[in-house]
Amino acid sequence: MNVHHQQLVCSLTSEQKGAYTQILDAVSSNNGGFFFLYGFGGSGKTFVWNTLSAALRSEGKIVLNVASSGIASLLLPGGRTAHSRFSIPITIHESSTCNVRQGSHKAEMLQKSSLIIWDEAPMLNKHCFESLDKTMNDIMKTQATFGHDKPFGGKAVFLGGDFRQILPVILKGSRSEIISSSVNSSYLWKHCKVMKLTTNMRLQQVGSSSSSLEIKEFADWLLQVGDGTVKPIDEDDYIIEIPSDLLVREPDNPLLELVNFAYPIVVANLENHAYFEQRALLAPTLESVEEVNNFMMSDEDSEIDAKWFTSEFLNDVKWSGIPNHRIVLKVGVPIMLIRNIDQSAGLCNGTRLIASALTPYIIVATALSGSKTGKHVYIPRLSLTASDTGLPFKFSRRQFPITVCFAMTINKSQGQSLSHVGLYLPRPVFTHGRLYVALSRVKSRKGLKILIVDDKGVVSNCTRNVVYEEIQQTFNDNGAASNKWNA
């Protein structure tokens, strides 16, 4: 472990090493502290997490690595989702605390931990962090290192992420409600020390090759989209023009062209699991995702004549996090888990797999990512209950916790890095960071194609970019928002 740690340290940039040194100092001095590492995709945040974990674990210390999403947690050594590790309530509010009892094994683990690393922090509601703060203050009261006036009971907590990306999801929330739910609107933020990573590690890996300039130009454009500094052609509706080389312009069947870009000769590659690892189609809504998946499966789904509270109506209910009553599936088709099943086995919400065998009660699948890549896993049928559906009754469905995954929502793609992405926009994005997240899933410009369809069904070269300038104010050097063009 110590040799591995030394190898990682030698590869740190000056920015990364500065963050690494500050955190080690906070841990070794037992002073604790609340820190945030702000950096775009490709700036090396995960590399800092891995180096810190190796450093402290080589000394026999406990590092708790968590992330706000299941996919992001798989990139961390021993990673878990924050909700799983800290028992954070699913329904969260300002009075919430973590379900950790004094004297329990989990409480003892939190007391003995030296550092908590929390990746993709901007995705979660500020009340998740505040619930951990209240819980840590409670369980640390008996410890000599308890800090009465420090966040998280004097424990060192290191958050990370990119506020250009998607913010907490607030059902029917207004702009102000979404912004106020973010972690940098929490009472904890006044204690937070922000560190930045600005070096693009992907460019360093390319070096002086001919593709270096292309990657830099693409990375700069992505940051302009994320910062809201791409000048709109319509200032009232915040519409921006997409470069022509990224667009699908086939007038007869544009969706087919997009599909062929992301999944060329797909039928011949159904047995090739590596083919699906780095490819995906993204769309802004579940309806758009289902449209693309049905197109890929070539399935003609008849309309259901739903009547209130009948079995037909219940079978037709579609809700985020609940699988459809009818799943059209074939061996060799990519699927995605929509529930955490076994994180230690890499089976978490967002994990992509290939269906290998189908039975009435078990699906055998092959993992496409994480520590179990290439291994067979078994997915059972489960009874799944929807939360906050707006229906006047408790809605539960017994089904395999999966969805077909030729296409996925933009939100689900956050934290993933792919080589080929087709972005389908039959309607514009409607919240902060969503366009930036979709565009930044790929490492190169050549791996991206976009199909934009306007409200008249005509292929377009313009779409809306939504950026909340208030969320970035914390990170501007002069303390004021720097971008003019925002939603």
Protein backbone atom coordinates (compact mmCIF):
# COMPACT_ATOMS: atom_id res chain seq x y z
CA MET A 1 0.00 0.00 0.00
CA ASN A 2 2.83 2.40 0.88
CA VAL A 3 4.59 1.77 -2.46
CA HIS A 4 1.34 2.41 -4.31
CA HIS A 5 0.88 5.62 -2.33
CA GLN A 6 4.36 6.89 -3.25
CA GLN A 7 3.68 6.20 -6.94
CA LEU A 8 0.48 8.22 -6.77
CA VAL A 9 2.14 11.14 -4.97
CA CYS A 10 4.83 11.38 -7.66
CA SER A 11 2.09 11.88 -10.28
CA LEU A 12 0.28 14.75 -8.51
CA THR A 13 0.23 18.17 -10.16
CA SER A 14 1.10 21.22 -8.05
CA GLU A 15 -2.62 22.02 -7.62
CA GLN A 16 -3.45 18.46 -6.61
CA LYS A 17 -0.50 18.31 -4.23
CA GLY A 18 -1.59 21.54 -2.55
CA ALA A 19 -5.03 20.06 -1.79
CA TYR A 20 -3.48 16.73 -0.77
CA THR A 21 -1.08 18.41 1.67
CA GLN A 22 -3.75 20.59 3.30
CA ILE A 23 -6.00 17.60 3.97
CA LEU A 24 -3.17 15.48 5.39
CA ASP A 25 -2.20 18.38 7.67
CA ALA A 26 -5.79 18.71 8.91
CA VAL A 27 -5.97 14.98 9.63
CA SER A 28 -2.54 14.65 11.28
CA SER A 29 -3.14 17.69 13.53
CA ASN A 30 -6.58 16.41 14.59
CA ASN A 31 -7.95 19.87 13.83
CA GLY A 32 -10.53 18.55 11.40
CA GLY A 33 -12.00 20.95 8.89
CA PHE A 34 -14.53 21.32 6.10
CA PHE A 35 -13.11 21.49 2.57
CA PHE A 36 -14.43 21.54 -1.00
CA LEU A 37 -12.43 20.58 -4.10
CA TYR A 38 -13.91 22.35 -7.12
CA GLY A 39 -12.90 21.09 -10.55
CA PHE A 40 -14.35 20.22 -13.94
CA GLY A 41 -14.33 16.73 -15.42
CA GLY A 42 -10.79 15.68 -16.28
CA SER A 43 -9.10 17.90 -13.68
CA GLY A 44 -8.14 14.92 -11.50
CA LYS A 45 -10.44 15.06 -8.46
CA THR A 46 -10.72 11.27 -8.32
CA PHE A 47 -6.93 10.98 -8.47
CA VAL A 48 -6.68 13.21 -5.37
CA TRP A 49 -9.25 11.03 -3.56
CA ASN A 50 -7.31 7.88 -4.43
CA THR A 51 -3.99 9.36 -3.30
CA LEU A 52 -5.40 10.55 0.02
CA SER A 53 -7.04 7.18 0.62
CA ALA A 54 -3.79 5.34 -0.07
CA ALA A 55 -1.82 7.72 2.18
CA LEU A 56 -4.04 7.36 5.23
CA ARG A 57 -4.85 3.68 4.81
CA SER A 58 -1.14 2.87 4.53
CA GLU A 59 -0.92 4.26 8.09
CA GLY A 60 -3.82 2.09 9.25
CA LYS A 61 -6.30 4.98 9.38
CA ILE A 62 -9.92 4.83 8.30
CA VAL A 63 -11.04 6.78 5.23
CA LEU A 64 -14.73 6.75 4.33
CA ASN A 65 -15.18 7.27 0.58
CA VAL A 66 -18.71 8.13 -0.48
CA ALA A 67 -20.39 9.72 -3.49
CA SER A 68 -23.79 11.19 -4.18
CA SER A 69 -24.51 8.62 -6.91
CA GLY A 70 -23.91 4.89 -7.21
CA ILE A 71 -21.89 5.23 -10.41
CA ALA A 72 -19.55 7.83 -8.91
CA SER A 73 -19.06 5.69 -5.79
CA LEU A 74 -17.67 2.82 -7.91
CA LEU A 75 -14.73 5.05 -8.93
CA LEU A 76 -13.58 5.42 -5.31
CA PRO A 77 -11.59 2.76 -3.40
CA GLY A 78 -14.11 1.11 -1.09
CA GLY A 79 -16.71 3.65 -2.23
CA ARG A 80 -20.34 3.63 -1.14
CA THR A 81 -23.24 5.98 -1.74
CA ALA A 82 -23.57 8.62 0.96
CA HIS A 83 -27.12 7.53 1.75
CA SER A 84 -25.97 3.95 2.32
CA ARG A 85 -22.85 4.78 4.35
CA PHE A 86 -24.44 7.39 6.64
CA SER A 87 -28.05 6.12 6.65
CA ILE A 88 -29.33 9.45 5.36
CA PRO A 89 -33.15 9.52 5.09
CA ILE A 90 -34.57 9.35 1.58
CA THR A 91 -37.12 12.05 2.39
CA ILE A 92 -34.93 14.84 3.71
CA HIS A 93 -35.76 18.11 5.49
CA GLU A 94 -34.04 20.66 7.73
CA SER A 95 -34.65 18.65 10.92
CA SER A 96 -33.42 15.32 9.51
CA THR A 97 -30.59 13.36 11.12
CA CYS A 98 -28.85 10.20 9.98
CA ASN A 99 -30.21 6.92 11.30
CA VAL A 100 -27.06 6.15 13.32
CA ARG A 101 -27.50 5.21 16.97
CA GLN A 102 -24.99 5.91 19.72
CA GLY A 103 -22.96 2.79 20.45
CA SER A 104 -23.76 1.12 17.13
CA HIS A 105 -21.10 -0.32 14.84
CA LYS A 106 -21.69 2.49 12.35
CA ALA A 107 -21.32 5.14 15.06
CA GLU A 108 -18.06 3.56 16.20
CA MET A 109 -16.77 3.52 12.63
CA LEU A 110 -17.60 7.23 12.21
CA GLN A 111 -15.86 8.06 15.48
CA LYS A 112 -12.68 6.24 14.46
CA SER A 113 -12.57 7.56 10.90
CA SER A 114 -9.82 10.05 10.06
CA LEU A 115 -11.31 11.49 6.88
CA ILE A 116 -14.62 11.53 5.02
CA ILE A 117 -14.37 12.06 1.25
CA TRP A 118 -17.67 12.91 -0.49
CA ASP A 119 -17.64 13.15 -4.30
CA GLU A 120 -20.32 14.70 -6.56
CA ALA A 121 -21.54 16.75 -3.59
CA PRO A 122 -23.46 19.43 -5.58
CA MET A 123 -26.03 16.81 -6.65
CA LEU A 124 -27.51 16.43 -3.16
CA ASN A 125 -29.73 18.64 -1.05
CA LYS A 126 -27.92 20.67 1.61
CA HIS A 127 -30.02 18.91 4.25
CA CYS A 128 -28.08 15.68 3.54
CA PHE A 129 -24.85 17.36 4.69
CA GLU A 130 -26.58 19.07 7.58
CA SER A 131 -28.03 15.76 8.75
CA LEU A 132 -24.51 14.30 8.83
CA ASP A 133 -23.26 17.39 10.68
CA LYS A 134 -25.88 16.99 13.40
CA THR A 135 -25.25 13.25 13.68
CA MET A 136 -21.46 13.66 13.84
CA ASN A 137 -21.80 16.32 16.55
CA ASP A 138 -23.96 13.93 18.52
CA ILE A 139 -21.74 10.86 18.31
CA MET A 140 -18.45 12.79 18.73
CA LYS A 141 -19.43 14.37 22.06
CA THR A 142 -17.70 11.58 23.99
CA GLN A 143 -14.44 11.92 22.05
CA ALA A 144 -11.42 13.97 23.07
CA THR A 145 -11.21 15.41 19.56
CA PHE A 146 -14.79 16.74 19.65
CA GLY A 147 -14.92 20.29 18.29
CA HIS A 148 -17.79 22.21 19.87
CA ASP A 149 -17.61 25.04 17.37
CA LYS A 150 -16.53 23.01 14.33
CA PRO A 151 -18.67 21.38 11.63
CA PHE A 152 -19.08 17.61 11.72
CA GLY A 153 -17.92 17.44 15.33
CA GLY A 154 -14.35 18.33 14.40
CA LYS A 155 -13.99 15.54 11.85
CA ALA A 156 -12.18 16.27 8.56
CA VAL A 157 -14.71 16.24 5.69
CA PHE A 158 -13.62 16.77 2.09
CA LEU A 159 -16.34 17.39 -0.50
CA GLY A 160 -15.80 17.60 -4.23
CA GLY A 161 -17.64 18.26 -7.45
CA ASP A 162 -18.48 20.75 -10.17
CA PHE A 163 -21.25 23.30 -9.65
CA ARG A 164 -21.63 23.57 -13.41
CA GLN A 165 -23.34 20.19 -13.24
CA ILE A 166 -26.86 19.25 -12.20
CA LEU A 167 -28.01 20.59 -8.84
CA PRO A 168 -30.37 18.88 -6.36
CA VAL A 169 -33.65 17.78 -7.90
CA ILE A 170 -36.57 19.63 -6.30
CA LEU A 171 -39.97 18.41 -7.44
CA LYS A 172 -41.58 21.34 -9.28
CA GLY A 173 -38.98 23.57 -7.63
CA SER A 174 -38.38 27.14 -8.74
CA ARG A 175 -34.95 28.53 -9.56
CA SER A 176 -34.61 30.09 -6.11
CA GLU A 177 -35.70 26.85 -4.40
CA ILE A 178 -33.12 24.81 -6.32
CA ILE A 179 -30.34 27.28 -5.55
CA SER A 180 -31.26 27.48 -1.87
CA SER A 181 -31.17 23.66 -1.63
CA SER A 182 -27.53 23.51 -2.78
CA VAL A 183 -24.74 22.76 -0.32
CA ASN A 184 -23.19 26.21 -0.80
CA SER A 185 -26.42 27.69 0.58
CA SER A 186 -26.06 25.69 3.81
CA TYR A 187 -25.15 27.16 7.18
CA LEU A 188 -22.09 24.87 6.96
CA TRP A 189 -20.64 26.71 3.96
CA LYS A 190 -19.24 29.60 5.99
CA HIS A 191 -16.82 27.06 7.51
CA CYS A 192 -15.79 25.63 4.15
CA LYS A 193 -12.40 26.19 2.55
CA VAL A 194 -12.61 25.93 -1.25
CA MET A 195 -9.73 24.58 -3.34
CA LYS A 196 -9.70 24.59 -7.14
CA LEU A 197 -8.29 22.33 -9.83
CA THR A 198 -7.87 24.12 -13.16
CA THR A 199 -5.42 21.89 -15.06
CA ASN A 200 -6.91 19.58 -17.68
CA MET A 201 -5.29 16.18 -17.06
CA ARG A 202 -6.58 14.83 -20.36
CA LEU A 203 -4.50 17.41 -22.21
CA GLN A 204 -1.42 16.44 -20.24
CA GLN A 205 -1.96 12.80 -21.18
CA VAL A 206 -2.20 13.73 -24.85
CA GLY A 207 0.95 15.86 -24.58
CA SER A 208 2.03 17.59 -27.76
CA SER A 209 0.22 15.33 -30.19
CA SER A 210 -1.88 16.72 -33.04
CA SER A 211 -5.11 16.06 -31.12
CA SER A 212 -4.03 18.25 -28.18
CA LEU A 213 -5.34 21.49 -29.73
CA GLU A 214 -8.63 19.85 -30.68
CA ILE A 215 -9.16 18.55 -27.13
CA LYS A 216 -8.31 21.95 -25.65
CA GLU A 217 -10.74 23.78 -27.93
CA PHE A 218 -13.49 21.28 -27.12
CA ALA A 219 -12.75 21.47 -23.37
CA ASP A 220 -12.82 25.29 -23.49
CA TRP A 221 -16.15 25.27 -25.29
CA LEU A 222 -17.62 22.85 -22.72
CA LEU A 223 -16.55 25.15 -19.89
CA GLN A 224 -18.15 28.10 -21.69
CA VAL A 225 -21.40 26.12 -21.88
CA GLY A 226 -21.10 25.22 -18.19
CA ASP A 227 -20.31 28.80 -17.16
CA GLY A 228 -23.01 30.27 -19.38
CA THR A 229 -20.56 32.41 -21.35
CA VAL A 230 -21.57 31.15 -24.80
CA LYS A 231 -23.37 34.16 -26.24
CA PRO A 232 -26.99 33.30 -27.01
CA ILE A 233 -28.67 34.06 -30.30
CA ASP A 234 -31.88 34.68 -28.33
CA GLU A 235 -31.18 36.44 -25.03
CA ASP A 236 -34.78 36.14 -23.81
CA ASP A 237 -34.94 32.36 -24.13
CA TYR A 238 -31.18 31.71 -23.67
CA ILE A 239 -30.90 29.82 -26.95
CA ILE A 240 -27.37 28.99 -28.13
CA GLU A 241 -26.15 27.70 -31.47
CA ILE A 242 -24.41 24.30 -31.57
CA PRO A 243 -21.35 23.92 -33.86
CA SER A 244 -22.34 22.25 -37.13
CA ASP A 245 -19.85 19.37 -36.87
CA LEU A 246 -21.60 18.13 -33.71
CA LEU A 247 -25.06 18.04 -35.27
CA VAL A 248 -27.17 15.36 -36.91
CA ARG A 249 -28.63 16.94 -40.04
CA GLU A 250 -30.18 13.96 -41.87
CA PRO A 251 -33.66 15.22 -42.84
CA ASP A 252 -35.33 11.86 -43.61
CA ASN A 253 -34.55 9.83 -40.46
CA PRO A 254 -32.38 11.86 -38.08
CA LEU A 255 -32.95 9.56 -35.09
CA LEU A 256 -31.65 6.61 -37.11
CA GLU A 257 -28.51 8.59 -37.96
CA LEU A 258 -27.98 9.39 -34.28
CA VAL A 259 -28.45 5.73 -33.35
CA ASN A 260 -26.03 4.62 -36.05
CA PHE A 261 -23.44 7.05 -34.72
CA ALA A 262 -23.66 5.80 -31.13
CA TYR A 263 -24.25 2.13 -32.02
CA PRO A 264 -22.91 1.33 -35.52
CA ILE A 265 -23.64 -2.25 -36.69
CA VAL A 266 -25.23 -2.95 -33.32
CA VAL A 267 -26.76 -6.33 -34.27
CA ALA A 268 -23.37 -7.76 -35.15
CA ASN A 269 -22.02 -6.63 -31.76
CA LEU A 270 -24.70 -8.03 -29.45
CA GLU A 271 -22.24 -10.67 -28.23
CA ASN A 272 -19.44 -8.13 -27.82
CA HIS A 273 -19.84 -6.76 -24.29
CA ALA A 274 -16.94 -4.32 -24.63
CA TYR A 275 -18.83 -2.66 -27.48
CA PHE A 276 -21.46 -1.26 -25.08
CA GLU A 277 -19.10 -0.12 -22.30
CA GLN A 278 -18.30 3.30 -23.76
CA ARG A 279 -21.47 4.06 -25.75
CA ALA A 280 -24.78 5.63 -24.82
CA LEU A 281 -27.65 7.73 -26.07
CA LEU A 282 -28.78 10.53 -23.73
CA ALA A 283 -32.08 12.38 -23.52
CA PRO A 284 -33.52 14.93 -21.08
CA THR A 285 -36.69 13.10 -19.99
CA LEU A 286 -37.88 9.56 -19.27
CA GLU A 287 -40.36 9.84 -22.14
CA SER A 288 -37.59 10.65 -24.61
CA VAL A 289 -35.44 7.83 -23.26
CA GLU A 290 -38.27 5.35 -23.68
CA GLU A 291 -38.88 6.59 -27.21
CA VAL A 292 -35.25 5.86 -28.14
CA ASN A 293 -35.16 2.49 -26.37
CA ASN A 294 -38.36 1.42 -28.11
CA PHE A 295 -36.87 2.54 -31.41
CA MET A 296 -33.79 0.40 -30.75
CA MET A 297 -35.88 -2.63 -29.79
CA SER A 298 -38.19 -2.11 -32.79
CA ASP A 299 -41.18 -2.76 -30.59
CA GLU A 300 -44.63 -1.42 -31.42
CA ASP A 301 -46.28 -0.77 -28.09
CA SER A 302 -50.06 -0.35 -28.28
CA GLU A 303 -51.78 2.33 -26.29
CA ILE A 304 -53.39 1.21 -23.01
CA ASP A 305 -56.89 2.41 -22.33
CA ALA A 306 -56.28 3.38 -18.69
CA LYS A 307 -59.18 3.80 -16.27
CA TRP A 308 -58.76 5.14 -12.80
CA PHE A 309 -57.61 2.51 -10.24
CA THR A 310 -58.05 -0.42 -12.66
CA SER A 311 -55.21 -2.90 -13.23
CA GLU A 312 -54.78 -1.38 -16.70
CA PHE A 313 -54.21 2.03 -15.16
CA LEU A 314 -51.74 0.72 -12.59
CA ASN A 315 -49.82 -1.17 -15.27
CA ASP A 316 -49.55 2.04 -17.25
CA VAL A 317 -48.12 4.09 -14.37
CA LYS A 318 -44.53 5.16 -15.07
CA TRP A 319 -42.43 6.73 -12.36
CA SER A 320 -38.76 7.49 -11.88
CA GLY A 321 -37.08 4.69 -9.92
CA ILE A 322 -39.87 2.17 -10.64
CA PRO A 323 -39.48 -0.24 -13.59
CA ASN A 324 -42.24 -0.35 -16.18
CA HIS A 325 -44.89 -3.06 -15.90
CA ARG A 326 -43.85 -4.28 -19.35
CA ILE A 327 -40.13 -4.57 -20.11
CA VAL A 328 -39.19 -5.62 -23.63
CA LEU A 329 -35.86 -7.41 -23.40
CA LYS A 330 -33.60 -9.66 -25.44
CA VAL A 331 -30.36 -11.48 -24.70
CA GLY A 332 -27.41 -9.23 -25.59
CA VAL A 333 -29.27 -5.98 -24.89
CA PRO A 334 -27.72 -3.38 -22.50
CA ILE A 335 -29.68 -2.78 -19.30
CA MET A 336 -29.31 -0.48 -16.29
CA LEU A 337 -30.08 -1.10 -12.63
CA ILE A 338 -32.45 1.45 -11.12
CA ARG A 339 -31.98 0.29 -7.52
CA ASN A 340 -29.02 -0.35 -5.23
CA ILE A 341 -28.86 -4.15 -4.84
CA ASP A 342 -25.34 -4.93 -3.59
CA GLN A 343 -22.81 -2.11 -3.70
CA SER A 344 -19.96 -4.37 -2.58
CA ALA A 345 -20.57 -6.35 -5.78
CA GLY A 346 -20.82 -3.19 -7.89
CA LEU A 347 -24.60 -3.54 -8.26
CA CYS A 348 -25.89 -0.05 -7.61
CA ASN A 349 -28.34 2.40 -9.10
CA GLY A 350 -26.99 3.32 -12.55
CA THR A 351 -24.81 0.23 -13.11
CA ARG A 352 -24.86 -0.84 -16.77
CA LEU A 353 -24.94 -4.52 -17.72
CA ILE A 354 -25.65 -6.84 -20.64
CA ALA A 355 -28.54 -9.30 -20.40
CA SER A 356 -27.01 -12.80 -20.75
CA ALA A 357 -29.94 -15.09 -19.86
CA LEU A 358 -33.63 -14.46 -19.14
CA THR A 359 -35.88 -16.46 -16.83
CA PRO A 360 -39.24 -15.62 -15.20
CA TYR A 361 -37.63 -14.90 -11.83
CA ILE A 362 -33.93 -14.21 -12.46
CA ILE A 363 -32.00 -12.23 -15.08
CA VAL A 364 -28.38 -13.26 -15.57
CA ALA A 365 -26.33 -10.27 -16.68
CA THR A 366 -22.72 -9.33 -17.33
CA ALA A 367 -21.37 -6.18 -15.68
CA LEU A 368 -20.00 -3.49 -18.01
CA SER A 369 -18.31 -1.32 -15.38
CA GLY A 370 -16.84 -1.28 -11.91
CA SER A 371 -14.85 -3.94 -10.09
CA LYS A 372 -17.07 -6.74 -11.46
CA THR A 373 -16.62 -5.90 -15.15
CA GLY A 374 -17.05 -9.04 -17.22
CA LYS A 375 -18.48 -11.08 -14.30
CA HIS A 376 -21.92 -12.70 -14.29
CA VAL A 377 -24.40 -11.30 -11.76
CA TYR A 378 -27.94 -12.37 -10.90
CA ILE A 379 -30.81 -9.90 -10.73
CA PRO A 380 -34.02 -11.07 -9.00
CA ARG A 381 -37.51 -9.69 -9.24
CA LEU A 382 -38.18 -7.33 -6.35
CA SER A 383 -41.15 -5.55 -4.82
CA LEU A 384 -40.41 -1.87 -5.36
CA THR A 385 -42.34 1.01 -3.81
CA ALA A 386 -42.49 4.48 -5.31
CA SER A 387 -42.02 7.53 -3.10
CA ASP A 388 -43.95 10.77 -3.56
CA THR A 389 -45.85 9.81 -6.71
CA GLY A 390 -48.68 12.26 -6.08
CA LEU A 391 -51.09 9.31 -6.17
CA PRO A 392 -53.58 9.02 -3.29
CA PHE A 393 -52.30 5.53 -2.39
CA LYS A 394 -49.03 3.66 -1.85
CA PHE A 395 -47.82 2.40 -5.22
CA SER A 396 -45.77 -0.80 -5.38
CA ARG A 397 -44.74 -3.01 -8.30
CA ARG A 398 -43.02 -6.43 -8.38
CA GLN A 399 -40.61 -6.37 -11.30
CA PHE A 400 -36.95 -6.67 -12.23
CA PRO A 401 -35.23 -3.42 -11.05
CA ILE A 402 -33.90 -2.61 -14.51
CA THR A 403 -34.56 -0.61 -17.61
CA VAL A 404 -33.32 -1.10 -21.17
CA CYS A 405 -30.28 1.10 -21.54
CA PHE A 406 -29.49 1.91 -25.14
CA ALA A 407 -30.54 5.36 -23.94
CA MET A 408 -30.55 6.93 -20.47
CA THR A 409 -31.50 10.26 -18.95
CA ILE A 410 -28.88 12.97 -18.73
CA ASN A 411 -29.17 12.87 -14.93
CA LYS A 412 -28.29 9.15 -14.88
CA SER A 413 -25.21 9.75 -17.02
CA GLN A 414 -23.59 12.14 -14.53
CA GLY A 415 -20.34 10.64 -13.27
CA GLN A 416 -19.82 8.45 -16.35
CA SER A 417 -17.15 8.87 -19.01
CA LEU A 418 -17.89 7.52 -22.49
CA SER A 419 -16.26 7.40 -25.90
CA HIS A 420 -19.42 7.77 -28.03
CA VAL A 421 -22.49 9.77 -27.00
CA GLY A 422 -25.56 10.60 -29.04
CA LEU A 423 -27.59 13.40 -27.46
CA TYR A 424 -31.28 13.45 -28.38
CA LEU A 425 -33.10 16.72 -27.63
CA PRO A 426 -36.73 16.54 -28.78
CA ARG A 427 -37.28 19.27 -26.22
CA PRO A 428 -34.82 21.67 -24.56
CA VAL A 429 -33.19 21.10 -21.19
CA PHE A 430 -35.02 22.89 -18.40
CA THR A 431 -32.65 23.19 -15.46
CA HIS A 432 -29.13 24.27 -14.54
CA GLY A 433 -26.19 22.25 -15.81
CA ARG A 434 -28.09 19.62 -17.76
CA LEU A 435 -26.75 20.54 -21.20
CA TYR A 436 -23.20 20.80 -19.82
CA VAL A 437 -23.44 17.35 -18.20
CA ALA A 438 -24.70 15.77 -21.42
CA LEU A 439 -21.99 17.35 -23.59
CA SER A 440 -19.16 16.60 -21.16
CA ARG A 441 -19.71 12.83 -20.96
CA VAL A 442 -17.27 12.33 -23.85
CA LYS A 443 -13.50 12.82 -23.89
CA SER A 444 -13.27 14.12 -27.45
CA ARG A 445 -15.29 16.14 -29.91
CA LYS A 446 -15.38 13.23 -32.39
CA GLY A 447 -17.30 11.14 -29.87
CA LEU A 448 -20.33 13.44 -29.76
CA LYS A 449 -23.35 13.91 -32.00
CA ILE A 450 -26.46 15.93 -31.20
CA LEU A 451 -29.98 15.72 -32.62
CA ILE A 452 -32.09 18.79 -31.84
CA VAL A 453 -35.75 18.84 -32.83
CA ASP A 454 -37.77 22.04 -32.43
CA ASP A 455 -41.42 22.29 -31.34
CA LYS A 456 -42.52 21.83 -34.95
CA GLY A 457 -40.62 18.57 -35.33
CA VAL A 458 -37.95 20.14 -37.54
CA VAL A 459 -34.24 19.37 -37.04
CA SER A 460 -32.53 22.47 -35.61
CA ASN A 461 -29.05 23.73 -34.76
CA CYS A 462 -30.08 25.71 -31.66
CA THR A 463 -31.10 24.73 -28.14
CA ARG A 464 -31.52 26.25 -24.69
CA ASN A 465 -28.63 26.39 -22.21
CA VAL A 466 -29.72 26.91 -18.60
CA VAL A 467 -27.12 28.28 -16.16
CA TYR A 468 -27.88 29.74 -12.73
CA GLU A 469 -25.20 32.39 -12.26
CA GLU A 470 -25.92 32.65 -8.51
CA ILE A 471 -24.59 29.16 -7.89
CA GLN A 472 -21.18 30.12 -9.28
CA GLN A 473 -20.73 33.28 -7.21
CA THR A 474 -19.01 31.39 -4.41
CA PHE A 475 -16.20 30.36 -6.72
CA ASN A 476 -15.42 33.59 -8.55
CA ASP A 477 -12.25 35.25 -7.33
CA ASN A 478 -13.91 38.62 -6.98
CA GLY A 479 -17.00 37.23 -5.24
CA ALA A 480 -19.33 38.25 -8.07
CA ALA A 481 -20.88 36.35 -10.93
CA SER A 482 -18.74 36.62 -14.03
CA ASN A 483 -21.09 35.41 -16.74
CA LYS A 484 -23.63 37.58 -18.46
CA TRP A 485 -25.54 34.96 -20.40
CA ASN A 486 -27.57 32.82 -17.99
CA ALA A 487 -31.05 31.42 -17.56
